[in-house]
Amino acid sequence: MESDDQNAARETDDGGVGEALRAAIERTLAATAPAAAETRERAGDLVGEISKRGQDARGELARRSQEAGAEIARLGQEAREVLSKRGLEATGELRTQLDSFERRLSSVEELLRRSQQEAGGPTDANHPDSKSQAEG
């Protein structure tokens, strides 16, 4: 068994080692605290910069999308105008062709009437070959 003196010496030695360890840890923390604070500050700056860039990118994206939407609307309007113009041109062309067909039909009907008159055929306006029936 150990004597009381030996226990007391051991407690003193253990206390001294513990205190020395505690002091070493405190010195280490004290020495690294400024570096840790600087790192924390730098990390905060980086987060702020990332946030600012994100906001800038969001603003740029919104601006570009508005420009693209306006361009699409402009192109759509131009396309409508071109199609409308082409539609009017096609309508005019169809009207011209229809007028030409009507003139040709009238000419054919007139030739048919003359041919029937010369052959002694019916010339009655109510006859199925008459112009009023062909148009109706």
Protein backbone atom coordinates (compact mmCIF):
# COMPACT_ATOMS: atom_id res chain seq x y z
CA MET A 1 0.00 0.00 0.00
CA GLU A 2 0.93 3.51 -0.64
CA SER A 3 1.56 5.94 2.10
CA ASP A 4 -0.28 9.22 2.47
CA ASP A 5 2.84 11.08 1.37
CA GLN A 6 2.96 9.11 -1.84
CA ASN A 7 -0.75 9.76 -2.53
CA ALA A 8 -0.25 13.44 -1.90
CA ALA A 9 2.76 13.53 -4.24
CA ARG A 10 0.85 11.66 -6.93
CA GLU A 11 -2.12 14.07 -6.67
CA THR A 12 0.28 17.00 -6.93
CA ASP A 13 1.95 15.45 -9.96
CA ASP A 14 -1.42 14.64 -11.57
CA GLY A 15 -2.66 18.13 -10.83
CA GLY A 16 0.48 19.63 -12.29
CA VAL A 17 0.18 17.59 -15.50
CA GLY A 18 -3.50 18.48 -15.81
CA GLU A 19 -2.77 22.12 -15.24
CA ALA A 20 0.09 22.02 -17.73
CA LEU A 21 -2.19 20.37 -20.29
CA ARG A 22 -4.94 22.91 -19.66
CA ALA A 23 -2.44 25.76 -20.02
CA ALA A 24 -1.10 24.31 -23.29
CA ILE A 25 -4.61 24.04 -24.72
CA GLU A 26 -5.43 27.59 -23.69
CA ARG A 27 -2.19 28.86 -25.28
CA THR A 28 -3.01 26.95 -28.48
CA LEU A 29 -6.52 28.37 -28.62
CA ALA A 30 -5.24 31.85 -27.85
CA ALA A 31 -2.64 31.53 -30.60
CA THR A 32 -5.14 30.24 -33.20
CA ALA A 33 -8.05 32.52 -32.25
CA PRO A 34 -6.94 35.43 -34.48
CA ALA A 35 -6.45 33.07 -37.44
CA ALA A 36 -9.86 31.48 -36.81
CA ALA A 37 -11.49 34.90 -36.60
CA GLU A 38 -9.78 35.91 -39.84
CA THR A 39 -10.95 32.69 -41.53
CA ARG A 40 -14.48 33.25 -40.24
CA GLU A 41 -14.41 36.84 -41.55
CA ARG A 42 -13.08 35.70 -44.94
CA ALA A 43 -15.78 33.02 -45.14
CA GLY A 44 -18.40 35.68 -44.40
CA ASP A 45 -16.96 37.88 -47.16
CA LEU A 46 -17.08 34.98 -49.61
CA VAL A 47 -20.68 34.19 -48.74
CA GLY A 48 -21.54 37.85 -49.26
CA GLU A 49 -19.79 37.87 -52.63
CA ILE A 50 -21.57 34.69 -53.72
CA SER A 51 -24.90 36.18 -52.67
CA LYS A 52 -24.21 39.39 -54.59
CA ARG A 53 -23.22 37.46 -57.72
CA GLY A 54 -26.37 35.37 -57.42
CA GLN A 55 -28.52 38.49 -57.21
CA ASP A 56 -26.68 40.04 -60.16
CA ALA A 57 -27.17 36.86 -62.20
CA ARG A 58 -30.86 36.77 -61.31
CA GLY A 59 -31.22 40.39 -62.43
CA GLU A 60 -29.36 39.72 -65.67
CA LEU A 61 -31.51 36.67 -66.36
CA ALA A 62 -34.69 38.68 -65.76
CA ARG A 63 -33.46 41.45 -68.08
CA ARG A 64 -32.54 38.98 -70.83
CA SER A 65 -35.84 37.15 -70.54
CA GLN A 66 -37.74 40.44 -70.90
CA GLU A 67 -35.69 41.31 -73.97
CA ALA A 68 -36.32 37.84 -75.44
CA GLY A 69 -40.05 38.16 -74.75
CA ALA A 70 -40.16 41.56 -76.46
CA GLU A 71 -38.23 40.17 -79.45
CA ILE A 72 -40.61 37.21 -79.73
CA ALA A 73 -43.60 39.57 -79.61
CA ARG A 74 -42.03 41.77 -82.31
CA LEU A 75 -41.29 38.78 -84.55
CA GLY A 76 -44.81 37.47 -84.01
CA GLN A 77 -46.27 40.81 -85.06
CA GLU A 78 -44.07 40.89 -88.15
CA ALA A 79 -45.14 37.36 -89.06
CA ARG A 80 -48.82 38.28 -88.65
CA GLU A 81 -48.34 41.30 -90.90
CA VAL A 82 -46.57 39.25 -93.57
CA LEU A 83 -49.23 36.54 -93.44
CA SER A 84 -51.99 39.12 -93.61
CA LYS A 85 -50.37 40.78 -96.62
CA ARG A 86 -49.92 37.42 -98.34
CA GLY A 87 -53.51 36.53 -97.54
CA LEU A 88 -54.73 39.75 -99.11
CA GLU A 89 -52.53 39.15 -102.15
CA ALA A 90 -53.86 35.60 -102.48
CA THR A 91 -57.43 36.85 -102.14
CA GLY A 92 -56.80 39.41 -104.88
CA GLU A 93 -55.27 36.76 -107.12
CA LEU A 94 -58.21 34.43 -106.51
CA ARG A 95 -60.62 37.27 -107.29
CA THR A 96 -58.78 37.93 -110.56
CA GLN A 97 -58.89 34.26 -111.52
CA LEU A 98 -62.56 33.99 -110.57
CA ASP A 99 -63.39 37.04 -112.67
CA SER A 100 -61.50 35.47 -115.56
CA PHE A 101 -63.42 32.19 -115.15
CA GLU A 102 -66.72 34.09 -115.02
CA ARG A 103 -65.85 35.89 -118.27
CA ARG A 104 -64.86 32.62 -119.92
CA LEU A 105 -68.04 30.91 -118.69
CA SER A 106 -70.15 33.77 -120.00
CA SER A 107 -68.36 33.48 -123.32
CA VAL A 108 -68.96 29.71 -123.46
CA GLU A 109 -72.62 30.19 -122.52
CA GLU A 110 -73.00 32.85 -125.22
CA LEU A 111 -71.39 30.56 -127.80
CA LEU A 112 -73.72 27.75 -126.71
CA ARG A 113 -76.81 29.96 -127.04
CA ARG A 114 -75.76 31.08 -130.52
CA SER A 115 -75.05 27.50 -131.52
CA GLN A 116 -78.50 26.41 -130.29
CA GLN A 117 -80.19 29.33 -132.05
CA GLU A 118 -78.46 28.44 -135.29
CA ALA A 119 -79.47 24.81 -134.87
CA GLY A 120 -83.04 25.82 -134.07
CA GLY A 121 -82.81 24.68 -130.45
CA PRO A 122 -84.50 26.21 -127.40
CA THR A 123 -83.64 29.79 -126.55
CA ASP A 124 -86.03 30.12 -123.61
CA ALA A 125 -84.61 31.82 -120.51
CA ASN A 126 -86.09 29.04 -118.36
CA HIS A 127 -84.23 26.32 -120.24
CA PRO A 128 -81.61 24.40 -118.15
CA ASP A 129 -78.83 25.56 -120.48
CA SER A 130 -79.61 29.21 -119.96
CA LYS A 131 -77.22 31.57 -118.22
CA SER A 132 -79.49 32.15 -115.21
CA GLN A 133 -79.56 28.43 -114.47
CA ALA A 134 -75.78 28.05 -114.86
CA GLU A 135 -75.11 30.86 -112.43
CA GLY A 136 -77.71 29.78 -109.88
